Protein backbone atom coordinates (compact mmCIF):
# COMPACT_ATOMS: atom_id res chain seq x y z
CA MET A 1 0.00 -0.01 0.00
CA ALA A 2 1.42 3.37 -0.98
CA THR A 3 2.05 5.72 1.94
CA ARG A 4 2.79 9.44 1.89
CA MET A 5 6.01 10.17 3.75
CA LEU A 6 6.70 13.64 5.19
CA TYR A 7 10.18 14.71 6.30
CA PHE A 8 11.04 17.73 8.44
CA ALA A 9 14.08 19.77 9.49
CA TRP A 10 17.47 18.10 8.94
CA VAL A 11 15.81 14.85 7.85
CA ARG A 12 14.30 16.71 4.88
CA GLU A 13 17.61 18.46 4.19
CA ARG A 14 19.58 15.22 4.09
CA ILE A 15 17.08 13.41 1.86
CA GLY A 16 16.55 16.42 -0.37
CA VAL A 17 12.77 16.27 -0.49
CA GLY A 18 10.01 17.19 1.93
CA GLU A 19 7.71 14.37 0.93
CA GLU A 20 7.49 11.27 -1.20
CA THR A 21 5.19 8.33 -1.72
CA VAL A 22 6.60 4.91 -0.89
CA ASP A 23 5.29 1.37 -1.15
CA PRO A 24 7.22 -0.67 1.43
CA PRO A 25 7.19 -4.48 1.30
CA ALA A 26 4.61 -6.36 3.38
CA SER A 27 7.36 -7.37 5.83
CA VAL A 28 7.66 -3.74 6.97
CA SER A 29 5.04 -3.61 9.69
CA ASP A 30 6.08 -0.82 12.07
CA VAL A 31 7.72 2.58 12.00
CA GLY A 32 11.14 1.26 13.01
CA ALA A 33 11.15 -1.29 10.21
CA LEU A 34 10.02 1.41 7.82
CA VAL A 35 12.92 3.65 8.82
CA ALA A 36 15.34 0.73 8.34
CA TRP A 37 13.85 0.00 4.92
CA LEU A 38 13.98 3.65 3.88
CA ALA A 39 17.67 3.77 4.84
CA THR A 40 18.37 1.19 2.12
CA ARG A 41 16.90 3.29 -0.68
CA ASP A 42 19.93 5.46 -1.47
CA GLU A 43 22.83 7.34 0.13
CA ALA A 44 20.70 10.35 1.06
CA HIS A 45 18.13 8.20 2.88
CA ALA A 46 20.96 6.24 4.55
CA ALA A 47 22.43 9.51 5.86
CA ALA A 48 19.06 10.77 7.13
CA PHE A 49 18.20 7.50 8.91
CA ALA A 50 21.67 6.50 10.11
CA ASP A 51 20.74 6.99 13.79
CA PRO A 52 17.09 6.04 14.32
CA ALA A 53 17.33 6.94 18.01
CA ARG A 54 17.51 10.60 16.91
CA LEU A 55 14.15 10.39 15.10
CA ARG A 56 10.55 10.81 16.05
CA ALA A 57 7.45 9.83 14.07
CA ALA A 58 3.78 10.55 13.57
CA VAL A 59 1.29 8.24 11.88
CA ASP A 60 -1.71 10.02 10.43
CA GLN A 61 -0.79 13.10 12.48
CA ALA A 62 -0.56 11.30 15.83
CA PHE A 63 2.82 11.00 17.60
CA VAL A 64 3.86 7.37 17.90
CA ALA A 65 6.73 5.19 19.13
CA MET A 66 9.01 3.48 16.66
CA ASP A 67 7.29 0.16 17.31
CA ALA A 68 3.90 1.55 16.24
CA PRO A 69 2.20 -0.38 13.42
CA ILE A 70 1.90 1.27 10.03
CA ALA A 71 -0.84 -0.92 8.53
CA GLY A 72 -3.42 1.29 6.90
CA ALA A 73 -1.47 4.50 7.47
CA ARG A 74 -2.06 7.17 4.87
CA GLU A 75 0.67 9.54 6.07
CA ILE A 76 3.81 9.02 8.13
CA ALA A 77 6.01 11.89 9.21
CA ILE A 78 9.63 11.56 10.32
CA PHE A 79 11.38 14.39 12.15
CA PRO A 80 13.98 15.15 14.80
CA PRO A 81 12.91 15.63 18.42
CA VAL A 82 11.01 18.84 18.98
CA THR A 83 12.19 21.25 21.67
CA GLY A 84 10.07 23.84 23.33
CA GLY A 85 10.69 26.90 25.25
């Protein structure tokens, strides 16, 4: 199933695009596996996703943990931690 990916801040800068549509294999069932799969796409994705511990995610605009399932997701956003102040 095709999913709209959104990238923010330095993730977007490293990949070179703010969004793309991807169709991960059926074996990719959660956000962490998706990030690992995306890292294999090319050098830019590998650089952006080299340290998954530095990333946060949202599935259909709801913040989620990296082990959150992605089945049925229409939109997944990947971004660095947000700071407030």
